[in-house]
Protein backbone atom coordinates (compact mmCIF):
# COMPACT_ATOMS: atom_id res chain seq x y z
CA MET A 1 74.33 132.88 200.03
CA ASN A 2 70.82 131.36 199.92
CA ARG A 3 67.84 133.58 199.16
CA ALA A 4 66.43 135.75 201.94
CA ILE A 5 63.35 134.20 203.56
CA ILE A 6 62.92 137.09 205.99
CA GLU A 7 63.51 140.74 205.02
CA ILE A 8 62.75 143.39 207.65
CA ARG A 9 63.24 147.04 206.76
CA ASP A 10 63.11 149.84 209.35
CA LEU A 11 60.48 147.98 211.39
CA THR A 12 58.85 149.88 214.24
CA ARG A 13 56.20 148.90 216.78
CA HIS A 14 54.76 151.12 219.46
CA TYR A 15 51.95 150.58 221.94
CA ASP A 16 49.78 153.00 223.83
CA MET A 17 49.64 152.00 227.50
CA GLY A 18 47.62 154.27 229.74
CA GLY A 19 48.37 157.32 227.65
CA GLU A 20 52.09 156.53 227.48
CA THR A 21 53.66 155.41 224.18
CA ILE A 22 55.91 152.37 224.52
CA HIS A 23 58.42 152.00 221.67
CA ALA A 24 59.04 148.24 221.52
CA LEU A 25 60.88 148.27 218.17
CA ARG A 26 62.70 151.36 216.92
CA GLY A 27 63.66 150.83 213.28
CA VAL A 28 64.95 147.25 212.99
CA THR A 29 66.48 146.13 209.68
CA LEU A 30 67.36 142.44 209.37
CA SER A 31 67.69 139.71 206.73
CA ILE A 32 67.54 135.97 207.43
CA HIS A 33 68.36 133.56 204.61
CA ALA A 34 67.19 130.04 203.84
CA ASN A 35 68.84 127.37 206.01
CA GLU A 36 70.19 129.87 208.55
CA TYR A 37 70.04 129.06 212.27
CA VAL A 38 69.59 132.37 214.09
CA ALA A 39 69.18 133.14 217.79
CA ILE A 40 67.57 136.43 218.80
CA MET A 41 68.63 137.56 222.26
CA GLY A 42 68.19 140.55 224.51
CA PRO A 43 67.37 141.54 228.09
CA SER A 44 63.82 142.01 229.32
CA GLY A 45 62.28 144.96 227.51
CA SER A 46 64.69 144.72 224.57
CA GLY A 47 61.92 144.04 222.06
CA LYS A 48 62.67 140.36 221.39
CA SER A 49 59.14 139.16 222.26
CA THR A 50 57.67 141.85 220.01
CA MET A 51 60.11 140.77 217.29
CA MET A 52 58.97 137.18 217.63
CA ASN A 53 55.34 138.26 217.30
CA MET A 54 56.25 140.18 214.14
CA LEU A 55 58.25 137.33 212.62
CA GLY A 56 55.42 134.92 213.41
CA CYS A 57 52.77 137.19 211.85
CA LEU A 58 51.02 137.33 215.23
CA ASP A 59 51.18 141.14 215.23
CA THR A 60 51.59 143.90 212.65
CA PRO A 61 54.15 146.71 212.71
CA SER A 62 53.47 150.39 213.29
CA GLY A 63 55.87 151.21 210.47
CA GLY A 64 58.41 149.67 208.12
CA GLU A 65 58.18 146.51 206.03
CA TYR A 66 58.28 142.77 206.66
CA TRP A 67 58.74 140.47 203.67
CA LEU A 68 58.38 136.73 204.21
CA ASN A 69 59.33 134.38 201.39
CA GLY A 70 58.97 137.17 198.83
CA GLN A 71 55.58 138.41 200.09
CA GLU A 72 55.08 141.66 201.99
CA VAL A 73 53.13 140.52 205.05
CA SER A 74 53.32 143.75 207.08
CA ARG A 75 50.11 145.08 205.53
CA LEU A 76 48.00 141.94 205.23
CA THR A 77 44.57 141.49 206.82
CA ASP A 78 44.18 139.22 209.86
CA ASP A 79 42.69 136.44 207.71
CA ALA A 80 45.53 136.66 205.20
CA LEU A 81 48.07 136.62 208.05
CA ALA A 82 46.46 133.47 209.45
CA ARG A 83 46.91 131.76 206.08
CA VAL A 84 50.57 132.82 205.96
CA ARG A 85 51.16 131.54 209.49
CA ASN A 86 49.66 128.15 208.66
CA LYS A 87 51.69 127.76 205.48
CA GLU A 88 55.03 129.41 206.22
CA ILE A 89 55.69 129.24 209.96
CA GLY A 90 56.09 126.38 212.42
CA PHE A 91 55.85 127.53 216.04
CA VAL A 92 57.56 125.90 219.03
CA PHE A 93 56.74 127.45 222.41
CA GLN A 94 58.10 127.16 225.93
CA THR A 95 54.83 125.51 226.96
CA PHE A 96 54.18 122.50 224.77
CA ASN A 97 50.50 123.30 224.11
CA LEU A 98 49.57 119.66 223.49
CA LEU A 99 46.07 118.20 223.79
CA ALA A 100 46.19 116.08 226.96
CA ARG A 101 43.72 113.42 225.76
CA ALA A 102 45.19 113.02 222.29
CA SER A 103 48.05 110.77 221.21
CA ALA A 104 51.32 112.21 219.97
CA LEU A 105 50.26 111.27 216.43
CA HIS A 106 46.93 113.11 216.69
CA ASN A 107 48.60 116.18 218.22
CA VAL A 108 50.96 116.35 215.24
CA GLU A 109 48.10 115.82 212.77
CA LEU A 110 46.11 118.81 214.05
CA PRO A 111 47.58 121.52 211.79
CA LEU A 112 46.83 119.30 208.80
CA VAL A 113 43.21 118.91 209.95
CA TYR A 114 42.89 122.70 209.90
CA SER A 115 44.48 122.75 206.44
CA GLY A 116 41.94 120.26 205.08
CA VAL A 117 44.50 117.53 204.31
CA PRO A 118 42.86 114.07 203.75
CA ALA A 119 43.13 111.59 206.64
CA ARG A 120 45.53 109.16 204.96
CA ASP A 121 47.93 111.94 203.98
CA ARG A 122 47.67 113.45 207.47
CA ARG A 123 48.71 110.21 209.09
CA SER A 124 51.68 109.58 206.80
CA ARG A 125 52.97 113.14 207.15
CA ALA A 126 52.55 113.10 210.95
CA ILE A 127 54.44 109.80 211.16
CA ALA A 128 57.24 111.26 209.04
CA ALA A 129 57.47 114.35 211.28
CA LEU A 130 57.58 112.27 214.48
CA THR A 131 60.25 110.07 212.92
CA ARG A 132 62.36 113.16 212.16
CA VAL A 133 62.43 114.05 215.86
CA GLY A 134 63.12 110.50 217.02
CA LEU A 135 59.67 109.58 218.33
CA ALA A 136 58.56 106.91 215.86
CA ASN A 137 58.13 104.47 218.74
CA ARG A 138 56.01 106.80 220.92
CA MET A 139 53.32 107.87 218.46
CA ASP A 140 50.41 106.32 220.35
CA HIS A 141 51.38 107.76 223.74
CA ARG A 142 49.53 110.67 225.31
CA PRO A 143 51.43 113.67 226.74
CA ASN A 144 51.17 112.41 230.35
CA GLU A 145 52.97 109.24 229.22
CA LEU A 146 55.90 111.22 227.82
CA SER A 147 58.84 113.02 229.42
CA GLY A 148 59.20 116.79 229.11
CA GLY A 149 61.77 116.38 226.37
CA GLN A 150 59.54 113.97 224.48
CA ARG A 151 56.60 116.36 224.77
CA GLN A 152 58.70 119.16 223.32
CA ARG A 153 59.76 116.87 220.47
CA VAL A 154 56.08 116.20 219.74
CA ALA A 155 55.58 119.97 219.64
CA ILE A 156 58.52 120.31 217.24
CA ALA A 157 57.07 117.57 215.01
CA ARG A 158 53.73 119.39 215.00
CA ALA A 159 55.55 122.58 213.96
CA LEU A 160 57.27 120.72 211.11
CA VAL A 161 54.29 118.82 209.71
CA ASN A 162 53.20 121.61 207.34
CA GLU A 163 56.77 121.84 206.00
CA PRO A 164 57.12 125.52 206.97
CA SER A 165 59.64 127.96 205.53
CA ILE A 166 60.82 128.84 209.05
CA LEU A 167 60.75 127.07 212.39
CA LEU A 168 60.19 129.79 215.00
CA ALA A 169 61.04 128.76 218.55
CA ASP A 170 60.23 130.94 221.56
CA GLU A 171 62.32 129.98 224.64
CA PRO A 172 61.97 126.30 223.59
CA THR A 173 63.91 124.98 226.59
CA GLY A 174 62.38 127.28 229.21
CA ASN A 175 60.50 124.46 230.96
CA LEU A 176 63.25 121.84 230.69
CA ASP A 177 66.24 120.86 232.83
CA SER A 178 69.75 121.34 231.45
CA THR A 179 70.21 117.76 230.22
CA THR A 180 66.87 117.73 228.42
CA SER A 181 67.58 121.20 227.03
CA GLU A 182 70.74 119.85 225.39
CA GLU A 183 68.69 116.99 223.94
CA ILE A 184 66.22 119.44 222.39
CA MET A 185 69.00 121.65 221.03
CA ARG A 186 70.48 118.60 219.29
CA VAL A 187 67.10 118.12 217.59
CA PHE A 188 67.16 121.72 216.32
CA SER A 189 70.75 121.28 215.10
CA GLU A 190 69.81 118.10 213.25
CA LEU A 191 66.82 119.80 211.61
CA HIS A 192 69.05 122.71 210.58
CA GLY A 193 71.50 120.19 209.15
CA GLN A 194 68.64 118.80 207.05
CA GLY A 195 68.02 122.26 205.56
CA GLN A 196 65.42 123.73 207.92
CA THR A 197 65.60 127.48 208.61
CA VAL A 198 65.47 127.97 212.40
CA VAL A 199 64.88 131.25 214.27
CA MET A 200 65.00 130.98 218.06
CA VAL A 201 64.21 133.62 220.67
CA THR A 202 66.04 133.04 223.94
CA HIS A 203 67.57 134.92 226.86
CA GLU A 204 70.01 132.08 227.67
CA PRO A 205 73.54 132.43 226.24
CA ASP A 206 74.23 128.67 226.43
CA ILE A 207 71.12 128.00 224.31
CA ALA A 208 71.96 130.76 221.83
CA ALA A 209 75.43 129.21 221.52
CA HIS A 210 73.91 126.42 219.42
CA ALA A 211 72.89 128.85 216.67
CA GLU A 212 75.18 129.86 213.82
CA ARG A 213 74.25 133.53 214.11
CA VAL A 214 73.26 135.62 217.13
CA VAL A 215 71.27 138.86 216.87
CA VAL A 216 71.13 140.91 220.10
CA LEU A 217 68.38 143.48 220.62
CA ARG A 218 68.54 146.30 223.13
CA ASP A 219 65.97 149.07 223.60
CA GLY A 220 64.16 148.07 220.41
CA ARG A 221 67.22 148.22 218.17
CA VAL A 222 69.77 145.71 216.86
CA GLU A 223 72.78 146.09 219.15
CA SER A 224 74.86 143.38 217.47
CA ASP A 225 74.53 140.79 214.71
CA ARG A 226 77.35 138.29 214.55
CA LEU A 227 78.22 134.86 213.24
CA ASN A 228 78.82 132.31 215.97
CA ARG A 229 81.90 130.54 214.69
CA GLY A 230 81.96 128.18 217.65
CA ALA A 231 78.31 127.09 217.36
CA ALA A 232 77.67 124.02 219.48
CA ALA A 233 76.91 120.85 217.57
C-alpha cells in the first residue's frame, strides 16, 4: 500500500447556530493513500460538505487531528493553511470559476502567478496541464467559446498546474448533462491512472461508481467505507 497522504483521527466539527449546536462531524477517522481514487457520499446534512472543507484546509476542526502529507494541518494558522492549500491541493468545483475575459491558458496560469512562478515557466506548465486534459488545441479560447465540458477541463487543468498531492473535486459534474459528465469522469480516471490522488465529493451514485473506493457519511459519521470492485473505467 502507498503511503497515507490524508490521515484523519477522531475529527469533529460543530457550529453554533442561533444558540443551537450543530454537530456536522462526530468523530471521523479516515486514511487516504497516494494514488487512491475515493468518492465521499452522503445525503444532505451527512457532513460531506464539512468534510470537503476540512480536507481542503478551508476550515479547521473543533477536535481531532488532520495530517496532510505528513504535516498536521488541523492546528495551523490561516496564513499557513493558505500556503498548504496552494501547494498540496487542487480544487475542482461544480461552478467552473473561470475568468470570463481570460483565455484558457491564462486561467490555468493564475495559480502560478500567485505562487510567483516566472512567466516562461508558467506558460510551459499551463500548456502541459491543458494537454493532460485534452485541450491543447483550445488554449487561446475564452470560456464563452468553450462547451461546459471544456470549461470544466480548463478548471481541472488549473487545479493540476501546481502538481498538487490531492485533486479535490466537489460535485464536479453538477452543472453538466449526463454525456458531458461521463466525459469529465473519463478525465478523472485518466489522471488517476497517471498516478494522481483524487478525492471527489458527490451525491450521485453513478458518478461515485467511477471511484475505486466509496466512503459514505451519515449524521457526521462514517457509515461505510468500501472498495468499489466494479469501478467504471
